[in-house]
């Protein structure tokens, strides 16, 4: 049996970094931020980058083509970033 490869979006891995650092006692989160807001912001930014890239490549606006790039809990946030940046990007 070959090893199973699990691909996670970079934002998922980066989202775990504060938890890992907190476990070793060297991280104190900023008082004004929460993990949920940071995740939402990261997914919006990821959607924005994907929308910009698709527009520049001449592709139609369809964030669903990137379904593996976001957590379904943040789909609307990813979609908002994708559509905003797809619309504002000149080809």
N, C-alpha and C. Protein backbone atom coordinates (compact mmCIF):
# COMPACT_ATOMS: atom_id res chain seq x y z
N UNK A 1 0.85 -1.18 0.00
CA UNK A 1 0.00 0.00 0.00
C UNK A 1 0.90 1.24 0.00
N UNK A 2 0.63 2.15 -0.90
CA UNK A 2 1.43 3.37 -0.98
C UNK A 2 0.93 4.39 0.04
N UNK A 3 1.79 5.30 0.49
CA UNK A 3 1.38 6.30 1.47
C UNK A 3 0.32 7.23 0.89
N UNK A 4 -0.55 7.68 1.72
CA UNK A 4 -1.62 8.59 1.30
C UNK A 4 -1.11 10.02 1.40
N UNK A 5 -1.30 10.76 0.35
CA UNK A 5 -0.88 12.16 0.32
C UNK A 5 -2.10 13.03 0.54
N UNK A 6 -2.01 13.91 1.50
CA UNK A 6 -3.11 14.84 1.79
C UNK A 6 -2.63 16.24 1.44
N UNK A 7 -3.36 16.90 0.56
CA UNK A 7 -3.01 18.27 0.16
C UNK A 7 -3.92 19.23 0.90
N UNK A 8 -3.32 20.19 1.56
CA UNK A 8 -4.06 21.20 2.29
C UNK A 8 -3.72 22.57 1.73
N UNK A 9 -4.71 23.48 1.68
CA UNK A 9 -4.40 24.83 1.25
C UNK A 9 -3.38 25.47 2.20
N UNK A 10 -2.55 26.33 1.66
CA UNK A 10 -1.52 26.99 2.46
C UNK A 10 -2.13 27.71 3.65
N UNK A 11 -3.31 28.28 3.46
CA UNK A 11 -3.95 29.02 4.56
C UNK A 11 -4.30 28.09 5.72
N UNK A 12 -4.60 26.83 5.43
CA UNK A 12 -4.89 25.86 6.49
C UNK A 12 -3.62 25.60 7.29
N UNK A 13 -2.52 25.42 6.59
CA UNK A 13 -1.26 25.18 7.28
C UNK A 13 -0.82 26.39 8.09
N UNK A 14 -0.95 27.57 7.50
CA UNK A 14 -0.56 28.79 8.20
C UNK A 14 -1.48 29.07 9.38
N UNK A 15 -2.74 28.68 9.24
CA UNK A 15 -3.69 28.86 10.34
C UNK A 15 -3.32 28.04 11.56
N UNK A 16 -2.64 26.92 11.35
CA UNK A 16 -2.23 26.07 12.47
C UNK A 16 -0.95 26.56 13.14
N UNK A 17 -0.22 27.45 12.50
CA UNK A 17 1.05 27.93 13.04
C UNK A 17 0.91 28.56 14.43
N UNK A 18 -0.05 29.47 14.64
CA UNK A 18 -0.17 30.04 15.99
C UNK A 18 -0.46 28.99 17.05
N UNK A 19 -1.23 27.97 16.70
CA UNK A 19 -1.54 26.89 17.65
C UNK A 19 -0.28 26.13 18.00
N UNK A 20 0.53 25.82 16.98
CA UNK A 20 1.77 25.10 17.22
C UNK A 20 2.72 25.93 18.07
N UNK A 21 2.82 27.22 17.78
CA UNK A 21 3.69 28.09 18.55
C UNK A 21 3.19 28.26 19.98
N UNK A 22 1.88 28.35 20.14
CA UNK A 22 1.32 28.49 21.48
C UNK A 22 1.61 27.25 22.32
N UNK A 23 1.61 26.09 21.68
CA UNK A 23 1.88 24.84 22.39
C UNK A 23 3.29 24.83 22.97
N UNK A 24 4.21 25.51 22.33
CA UNK A 24 5.57 25.55 22.87
C UNK A 24 5.80 26.82 23.69
N UNK A 25 4.76 27.59 23.91
CA UNK A 25 4.84 28.72 24.82
C UNK A 25 5.51 29.97 24.28
N UNK A 26 5.72 30.07 22.98
CA UNK A 26 6.42 31.23 22.45
C UNK A 26 5.55 32.16 21.63
N UNK A 27 4.26 31.98 21.64
CA UNK A 27 3.39 32.82 20.82
C UNK A 27 2.27 33.39 21.67
N UNK A 28 2.07 34.67 21.56
CA UNK A 28 0.94 35.33 22.21
C UNK A 28 0.17 36.04 21.11
N UNK A 29 -1.08 35.62 20.84
CA UNK A 29 -1.84 36.26 19.76
C UNK A 29 -2.13 37.72 20.08
N UNK A 30 -2.20 38.56 19.04
CA UNK A 30 -2.55 39.96 19.26
C UNK A 30 -3.93 40.07 19.89
N UNK A 31 -4.11 41.00 20.77
CA UNK A 31 -5.38 41.15 21.48
C UNK A 31 -6.53 41.47 20.54
N UNK A 32 -6.25 42.11 19.42
CA UNK A 32 -7.33 42.56 18.54
C UNK A 32 -7.70 41.57 17.44
N UNK A 33 -7.01 40.43 17.36
CA UNK A 33 -7.34 39.51 16.27
C UNK A 33 -7.85 38.19 16.82
N UNK A 34 -8.66 37.53 16.03
CA UNK A 34 -9.12 36.20 16.39
C UNK A 34 -8.81 35.27 15.24
N UNK A 35 -8.71 33.99 15.52
CA UNK A 35 -8.40 33.01 14.48
C UNK A 35 -9.41 33.03 13.35
N UNK A 36 -10.68 33.20 13.68
CA UNK A 36 -11.71 33.20 12.65
C UNK A 36 -11.52 34.36 11.69
N UNK A 37 -11.27 35.56 12.20
CA UNK A 37 -11.08 36.71 11.33
C UNK A 37 -9.84 36.53 10.45
N UNK A 38 -8.79 35.98 11.02
CA UNK A 38 -7.57 35.76 10.26
C UNK A 38 -7.82 34.75 9.14
N UNK A 39 -8.57 33.70 9.43
CA UNK A 39 -8.88 32.71 8.40
C UNK A 39 -9.74 33.32 7.30
N UNK A 40 -10.74 34.09 7.68
CA UNK A 40 -11.61 34.72 6.69
C UNK A 40 -10.80 35.65 5.80
N UNK A 41 -9.93 36.42 6.39
CA UNK A 41 -9.09 37.34 5.63
C UNK A 41 -8.19 36.58 4.66
N UNK A 42 -7.62 35.48 5.13
CA UNK A 42 -6.73 34.68 4.28
C UNK A 42 -7.49 34.06 3.11
N UNK A 43 -8.70 33.58 3.36
CA UNK A 43 -9.49 33.00 2.27
C UNK A 43 -9.94 34.07 1.28
N UNK A 44 -10.27 35.26 1.77
CA UNK A 44 -10.63 36.36 0.87
C UNK A 44 -9.43 36.67 -0.03
N UNK A 45 -8.25 36.78 0.57
CA UNK A 45 -7.03 37.08 -0.20
C UNK A 45 -6.72 35.98 -1.21
N UNK A 46 -6.90 34.73 -0.81
CA UNK A 46 -6.68 33.61 -1.74
C UNK A 46 -7.64 33.70 -2.92
N UNK A 47 -8.92 34.01 -2.62
CA UNK A 47 -9.91 34.16 -3.68
C UNK A 47 -9.56 35.30 -4.61
N UNK A 48 -9.07 36.38 -4.03
CA UNK A 48 -8.67 37.55 -4.82
C UNK A 48 -7.54 37.19 -5.78
N UNK A 49 -6.53 36.49 -5.28
CA UNK A 49 -5.42 36.09 -6.14
C UNK A 49 -5.90 35.16 -7.26
N UNK A 50 -6.80 34.25 -6.93
CA UNK A 50 -7.31 33.31 -7.94
C UNK A 50 -8.15 34.04 -8.98
N UNK A 51 -8.98 34.99 -8.54
CA UNK A 51 -9.80 35.76 -9.47
C UNK A 51 -8.96 36.60 -10.41
N UNK A 52 -7.93 37.21 -9.87
CA UNK A 52 -7.02 38.01 -10.69
C UNK A 52 -6.33 37.13 -11.73
N UNK A 53 -5.83 35.98 -11.29
CA UNK A 53 -5.12 35.07 -12.20
C UNK A 53 -6.05 34.56 -13.31
N UNK A 54 -7.29 34.22 -12.94
CA UNK A 54 -8.24 33.72 -13.95
C UNK A 54 -8.57 34.79 -14.98
N UNK A 55 -8.79 36.03 -14.52
CA UNK A 55 -9.11 37.12 -15.44
C UNK A 55 -7.94 37.36 -16.39
N UNK A 56 -6.73 37.38 -15.84
CA UNK A 56 -5.55 37.61 -16.67
C UNK A 56 -5.33 36.48 -17.67
N UNK A 57 -5.79 35.28 -17.33
CA UNK A 57 -5.66 34.13 -18.22
C UNK A 57 -6.80 34.06 -19.24
N UNK A 58 -7.76 35.00 -19.14
CA UNK A 58 -8.88 35.04 -20.07
C UNK A 58 -9.99 34.05 -19.73
N UNK A 59 -10.03 33.58 -18.48
CA UNK A 59 -11.06 32.63 -18.06
C UNK A 59 -12.30 33.35 -17.56
N UNK A 60 -13.42 32.67 -17.63
CA UNK A 60 -14.66 33.25 -17.13
C UNK A 60 -14.63 33.32 -15.61
N UNK A 61 -15.54 34.12 -15.06
CA UNK A 61 -15.62 34.24 -13.60
C UNK A 61 -16.36 33.02 -13.06
N UNK A 62 -15.61 32.11 -12.46
CA UNK A 62 -16.20 30.89 -11.90
C UNK A 62 -15.32 30.42 -10.75
N UNK A 63 -15.58 30.94 -9.56
CA UNK A 63 -14.76 30.57 -8.41
C UNK A 63 -14.87 29.08 -8.10
N UNK A 64 -15.96 28.44 -8.53
CA UNK A 64 -16.18 27.02 -8.24
C UNK A 64 -15.10 26.14 -8.86
N UNK A 65 -14.43 26.62 -9.90
CA UNK A 65 -13.38 25.82 -10.52
C UNK A 65 -12.22 25.62 -9.54
N UNK A 66 -12.17 26.42 -8.49
CA UNK A 66 -11.11 26.33 -7.47
C UNK A 66 -11.60 25.65 -6.20
N UNK A 67 -12.60 24.79 -6.31
CA UNK A 67 -13.27 24.21 -5.14
C UNK A 67 -12.32 23.57 -4.13
N UNK A 68 -11.20 23.04 -4.56
CA UNK A 68 -10.27 22.42 -3.61
C UNK A 68 -9.38 23.42 -2.90
N UNK A 69 -9.49 24.70 -3.24
CA UNK A 69 -8.59 25.71 -2.68
C UNK A 69 -9.12 26.35 -1.40
N UNK A 70 -10.35 26.03 -1.00
CA UNK A 70 -10.90 26.68 0.18
C UNK A 70 -11.73 25.71 1.00
N UNK A 71 -11.83 26.01 2.26
CA UNK A 71 -12.66 25.26 3.20
C UNK A 71 -14.11 25.68 2.95
N UNK A 72 -15.01 24.73 2.88
CA UNK A 72 -16.41 25.05 2.56
C UNK A 72 -17.03 26.02 3.57
N UNK A 73 -16.50 26.09 4.78
CA UNK A 73 -17.02 27.05 5.76
C UNK A 73 -16.73 28.48 5.36
N UNK A 74 -15.72 28.68 4.50
CA UNK A 74 -15.33 30.02 4.07
C UNK A 74 -15.62 30.24 2.58
N UNK A 75 -16.52 29.44 2.02
CA UNK A 75 -16.80 29.56 0.59
C UNK A 75 -17.28 30.95 0.21
N UNK A 76 -18.19 31.51 0.98
CA UNK A 76 -18.73 32.83 0.61
C UNK A 76 -17.64 33.91 0.70
N UNK A 77 -16.71 33.77 1.64
CA UNK A 77 -15.62 34.73 1.77
C UNK A 77 -14.66 34.59 0.59
N UNK A 78 -14.33 33.36 0.24
CA UNK A 78 -13.45 33.10 -0.91
C UNK A 78 -14.11 33.63 -2.19
N UNK A 79 -15.41 33.35 -2.34
CA UNK A 79 -16.15 33.82 -3.51
C UNK A 79 -16.14 35.34 -3.61
N UNK A 80 -16.34 36.02 -2.49
CA UNK A 80 -16.35 37.49 -2.50
C UNK A 80 -15.00 38.04 -2.96
N UNK A 81 -13.91 37.47 -2.45
CA UNK A 81 -12.59 37.92 -2.87
C UNK A 81 -12.34 37.63 -4.34
N UNK A 82 -12.73 36.44 -4.77
CA UNK A 82 -12.54 36.03 -6.16
C UNK A 82 -13.28 37.00 -7.10
N UNK A 83 -14.56 37.21 -6.82
CA UNK A 83 -15.38 38.04 -7.71
C UNK A 83 -14.95 39.51 -7.70
N UNK A 84 -14.61 40.02 -6.53
CA UNK A 84 -14.17 41.42 -6.45
C UNK A 84 -12.93 41.64 -7.31
N UNK A 85 -11.95 40.76 -7.17
CA UNK A 85 -10.70 40.95 -7.90
C UNK A 85 -10.81 40.56 -9.37
N UNK A 86 -11.67 39.60 -9.69
CA UNK A 86 -11.88 39.26 -11.10
C UNK A 86 -12.48 40.47 -11.81
N UNK A 87 -13.45 41.12 -11.16
CA UNK A 87 -14.12 42.27 -11.76
C UNK A 87 -13.20 43.48 -11.92
N UNK A 88 -12.27 43.68 -11.01
CA UNK A 88 -11.44 44.88 -11.07
C UNK A 88 -10.16 44.70 -11.89
N UNK A 89 -9.87 43.47 -12.29
CA UNK A 89 -8.66 43.20 -13.04
C UNK A 89 -8.88 43.45 -14.53
N UNK A 90 -7.96 44.19 -15.12
CA UNK A 90 -7.98 44.39 -16.58
C UNK A 90 -7.20 43.27 -17.22
N UNK A 91 -7.68 42.82 -18.32
CA UNK A 91 -7.00 41.71 -19.00
C UNK A 91 -5.87 42.15 -19.83
